[in-house]
Protein backbone atom coordinates (compact mmCIF):
# COMPACT_ATOMS: atom_id res chain seq x y z
CA MET A 1 -43.80 -30.58 17.84
CA PHE A 2 -43.02 -32.13 14.47
CA GLU A 3 -40.76 -35.07 15.27
CA THR A 4 -38.53 -36.28 12.47
CA ALA A 5 -36.65 -39.47 11.66
CA ARG A 6 -33.49 -37.77 12.94
CA GLY A 7 -34.41 -36.27 16.27
CA LEU A 8 -32.11 -33.25 15.92
CA ASN A 9 -34.23 -32.06 12.98
CA SER A 10 -37.47 -32.00 14.98
CA SER A 11 -39.09 -28.59 15.12
CA LEU A 12 -42.12 -26.52 16.02
CA LEU A 13 -42.41 -26.05 12.25
CA ARG A 14 -43.32 -28.76 9.74
CA PRO A 15 -40.21 -30.02 7.89
CA SER A 16 -40.09 -29.18 4.20
CA ALA A 17 -40.60 -32.23 2.02
CA ALA A 18 -39.23 -30.27 -0.94
CA PHE A 19 -35.96 -29.54 0.88
CA ALA A 20 -35.59 -33.16 2.03
CA GLN A 21 -36.16 -34.47 -1.48
CA ARG A 22 -33.90 -31.97 -3.25
CA TYR A 23 -30.94 -32.44 -0.91
CA GLN A 24 -31.52 -36.13 -0.11
CA VAL A 25 -31.82 -35.79 3.66
CA PRO A 26 -34.03 -38.63 4.94
CA GLY A 27 -33.51 -37.39 8.48
CA PHE A 28 -36.12 -34.69 7.76
CA ALA A 29 -38.86 -37.27 7.14
CA LEU A 30 -41.82 -36.62 9.44
CA ASP A 31 -42.24 -39.34 12.06
CA ARG A 32 -45.08 -38.03 14.23
CA VAL A 33 -46.67 -34.86 15.61
CA ARG A 34 -47.07 -34.19 19.32
CA ARG A 35 -48.68 -31.39 21.28
CA CYS A 36 -46.39 -29.54 23.64
CA GLU A 37 -46.55 -26.51 25.88
CA VAL A 38 -44.34 -23.52 25.14
CA ASP A 39 -43.58 -20.25 26.90
CA THR A 40 -41.77 -17.04 26.03
CA LEU A 41 -38.37 -16.01 27.29
CA ASP A 42 -39.93 -12.81 28.63
CA SER A 43 -42.28 -14.89 30.75
CA LEU A 44 -39.54 -17.23 31.95
CA LEU A 45 -36.89 -14.66 32.74
CA PHE A 46 -39.03 -11.94 34.27
CA ARG A 47 -40.94 -14.10 36.70
CA LYS A 48 -40.47 -13.11 40.32
CA ARG A 49 -37.14 -14.48 41.54
CA ASP A 50 -35.20 -14.41 44.75
CA ASP A 51 -32.05 -13.48 42.83
CA VAL A 52 -31.35 -10.42 40.73
CA LEU A 53 -28.92 -11.95 38.25
CA PRO A 54 -29.21 -10.40 34.77
CA TYR A 55 -30.20 -13.57 32.94
CA GLY A 56 -30.46 -13.06 29.19
CA GLU A 57 -27.53 -10.72 28.55
CA LEU A 58 -26.29 -13.31 26.04
CA LEU A 59 -28.75 -15.40 24.05
CA LYS A 60 -27.73 -18.55 22.17
CA ILE A 61 -30.66 -19.73 20.05
CA ASP A 62 -30.81 -22.85 17.89
CA ALA A 63 -34.41 -23.95 17.50
CA GLN A 64 -34.67 -25.50 14.04
CA GLY A 65 -36.45 -22.65 12.30
CA ALA A 66 -38.34 -21.23 15.29
CA GLU A 67 -35.64 -18.69 16.20
CA LEU A 68 -37.60 -15.63 15.06
CA GLU A 69 -40.65 -16.67 17.06
CA ILE A 70 -38.46 -17.00 20.15
CA LEU A 71 -37.04 -13.53 19.57
CA GLN A 72 -40.53 -12.14 19.07
CA GLY A 73 -41.42 -13.52 22.49
CA SER A 74 -38.42 -11.73 23.99
CA SER A 75 -39.19 -8.08 23.25
CA ARG A 76 -38.73 -6.93 26.85
CA LEU A 77 -35.57 -9.01 27.24
CA LEU A 78 -34.09 -7.55 24.06
CA SER A 79 -34.93 -4.05 25.24
CA GLU A 80 -33.74 -4.28 28.84
CA ARG A 81 -31.01 -6.93 29.11
CA THR A 82 -29.73 -8.64 25.99
CA VAL A 83 -26.56 -7.21 24.46
CA ALA A 84 -25.24 -10.19 22.47
CA ILE A 85 -27.04 -12.86 20.43
CA ILE A 86 -25.79 -15.99 18.70
CA CYS A 87 -28.69 -17.18 16.57
CA GLU A 88 -28.87 -19.97 14.04
CA VAL A 89 -30.24 -18.65 10.76
CA SER A 90 -31.22 -20.36 7.52
CA PHE A 91 -30.85 -19.30 3.90
CA CYS A 92 -33.50 -21.61 2.46
CA GLU A 93 -36.65 -23.21 3.84
CA LEU A 94 -35.76 -26.38 5.73
CA TYR A 95 -39.20 -26.05 7.29
CA GLU A 96 -42.45 -24.82 5.80
CA GLN A 97 -42.87 -21.02 5.91
CA GLN A 98 -39.66 -20.72 7.88
CA PRO A 99 -38.29 -17.20 8.50
CA LEU A 100 -34.89 -16.77 6.86
CA PHE A 101 -31.72 -14.84 7.64
CA GLY A 102 -33.06 -11.55 6.28
CA ASP A 103 -36.15 -11.75 8.50
CA VAL A 104 -34.03 -12.19 11.62
CA VAL A 105 -31.66 -9.34 10.65
CA LYS A 106 -34.60 -7.01 10.00
CA TYR A 107 -36.32 -7.84 13.29
CA LEU A 108 -33.21 -7.43 15.41
CA GLY A 109 -32.07 -4.34 13.50
CA GLU A 110 -35.34 -2.65 14.38
CA ARG A 111 -34.61 -3.41 18.03
CA GLY A 112 -31.16 -1.93 18.13
CA PHE A 113 -28.89 -4.84 17.20
CA ASP A 114 -26.14 -4.89 14.58
CA PHE A 115 -25.33 -8.03 12.61
CA TYR A 116 -21.62 -8.67 13.12
CA GLY A 117 -20.80 -11.85 11.22
CA PHE A 118 -21.17 -15.62 10.97
CA GLN A 119 -19.88 -18.63 12.87
CA ALA A 120 -20.25 -22.33 12.03
CA LEU A 121 -21.23 -22.10 8.36
CA SER A 122 -23.12 -25.16 7.15
CA HIS A 123 -23.16 -25.98 3.43
CA ARG A 124 -24.96 -28.66 1.51
CA ALA A 125 -23.68 -30.70 -1.41
CA SER A 126 -26.16 -33.03 -3.05
CA HIS A 127 -25.55 -34.98 -6.24
CA LEU A 128 -21.73 -34.69 -6.15
CA ARG A 129 -21.44 -35.37 -2.45
CA HIS A 130 -19.61 -38.64 -3.10
CA LEU A 131 -16.74 -36.74 -4.76
CA ILE A 132 -16.00 -34.59 -1.74
CA GLY A 133 -13.65 -36.00 0.87
CA LYS A 134 -13.64 -32.78 2.86
CA PRO A 135 -15.35 -29.51 1.83
CA SER A 136 -12.91 -26.76 0.92
CA PRO A 137 -13.05 -23.12 -0.17
CA GLN A 138 -12.31 -24.30 -3.71
CA TRP A 139 -15.67 -26.11 -3.86
CA ILE A 140 -18.44 -23.59 -3.29
CA GLN A 141 -21.58 -25.33 -2.11
CA ARG A 142 -24.93 -23.84 -1.20
CA LEU A 143 -24.95 -22.13 2.17
CA ILE A 144 -27.79 -23.63 4.18
CA GLN A 145 -27.37 -22.44 7.76
CA ALA A 146 -25.01 -20.50 10.01
CA ASP A 147 -24.81 -19.01 13.47
CA ALA A 148 -25.29 -15.25 13.11
CA ILE A 149 -23.74 -12.90 15.66
CA PHE A 150 -25.49 -9.73 16.78
CA PHE A 151 -24.38 -7.06 19.24
CA LYS A 152 -26.42 -4.28 20.80
CA LYS A 153 -25.70 -0.89 19.27
CA THR A 154 -23.79 1.14 21.82
CA ARG A 155 -21.92 4.41 21.92
CA LEU A 156 -18.18 3.84 21.96
CA GLN A 157 -16.94 6.53 24.29
CA PRO A 158 -13.96 6.60 26.71
CA GLN A 159 -16.10 7.25 29.76
CA PRO A 160 -19.44 5.51 29.30
CA ASP A 161 -22.21 6.13 31.78
CA GLU A 162 -23.00 3.47 34.36
CA SER A 163 -25.68 1.84 32.22
CA GLN A 164 -23.17 1.36 29.38
CA LYS A 165 -20.27 0.00 31.43
CA ARG A 166 -21.89 -3.41 31.90
CA VAL A 167 -22.94 -3.47 28.23
CA HIS A 168 -19.36 -2.79 27.11
CA ALA A 169 -17.99 -5.46 29.44
CA VAL A 170 -20.42 -8.17 28.27
CA ILE A 171 -19.88 -7.38 24.58
CA ALA A 172 -16.10 -7.43 25.08
CA CYS A 173 -16.26 -10.86 26.78
CA VAL A 174 -18.52 -12.37 24.11
CA ALA A 175 -16.44 -10.85 21.29
CA LEU A 176 -13.29 -12.36 22.81
CA LEU A 177 -14.89 -15.81 23.15
CA LEU A 178 -16.08 -15.69 19.53
CA GLY A 179 -12.71 -14.58 18.18
CA ARG A 180 -13.88 -11.07 17.32
CA PHE A 181 -10.65 -9.68 18.69
CA ASP A 182 -10.87 -6.25 17.06
CA LEU A 183 -14.13 -5.48 18.84
CA ALA A 184 -12.91 -6.87 22.16
CA TRP A 185 -9.70 -4.81 21.95
CA GLU A 186 -11.62 -1.68 20.96
CA LEU A 187 -13.96 -1.88 23.95
CA VAL A 188 -11.18 -2.64 26.41
CA ASP A 189 -8.95 0.08 25.00
CA LEU A 190 -11.72 2.64 25.52
CA ARG A 191 -11.30 2.14 29.27
CA ARG A 192 -7.55 1.63 29.29
CA ASN A 193 -7.27 3.43 32.62
CA SER A 194 -9.67 0.94 34.19
CA TYR A 195 -7.92 -2.21 33.00
CA ASP A 196 -4.45 -3.62 33.38
CA SER A 197 -2.58 -3.48 30.07
CA ALA A 198 -2.10 -7.24 30.40
CA LEU A 199 -5.68 -7.71 29.22
CA LEU A 200 -4.96 -5.88 25.99
CA ARG A 201 -1.80 -7.95 25.50
CA MET A 202 -3.80 -11.13 26.07
CA ILE A 203 -6.28 -10.15 23.35
CA GLU A 204 -3.44 -9.39 20.96
CA GLU A 205 -1.76 -12.73 21.74
CA GLN A 206 -5.00 -14.64 21.16
CA ALA A 207 -5.53 -12.86 17.85
CA ALA A 208 -1.98 -13.69 16.78
CA LEU A 209 -2.44 -17.33 17.79
CA MET A 210 -5.54 -17.64 15.61
CA ASP A 211 -3.51 -16.35 12.66
CA THR A 212 -0.80 -18.99 13.13
CA PRO A 213 -0.89 -21.85 10.55
CA GLN A 214 -2.40 -25.04 11.91
CA THR A 215 0.80 -27.01 11.37
CA SER A 216 2.75 -24.57 13.54
CA ARG A 217 0.18 -24.72 16.33
CA GLU A 218 0.34 -28.49 16.32
């Protein structure tokens, strides 16, 4: 484990001195290196258990550059259980030889996942940082990191087989929580006969609320 001056930047990968220097982030300075034991998600989640809960249907991964390695150690999980992934991705090397956004998209695409969009975009301003009170769309800075959303490819049909019903339900719940209301509504509407119409109205109301100007909501 490469421990940095700012603990949140510590990683299984060595921090990039070039990135730290270019964008003036002293928190990436290397403090010390420690040995640590690691394990794969496949090993952790498929050990013999007394319960049969489907752990791993949703993965939320933020591992400071080691996200692809974690996914590579989850091949069985991705194949058998996971239907939604929220994964931090990077667009430049914060760490040496770090896999970037394209690498993650390629790996998950080959395993049946569609990239659906971003959450929590993180930009970086360097030399003119002192001029920015609050970043705005009018000031386009370099995109450094974001949470990327992936959903398992699934057939959208009115009467899915039993194996797909759970998949549809999980994707609909995650889509609703992430504000992807179109997808949530689409999956619920496919099984309109199985759900009370109040659920569809709730999705529509939440979508409308998100479109309301902040001043009105306050």
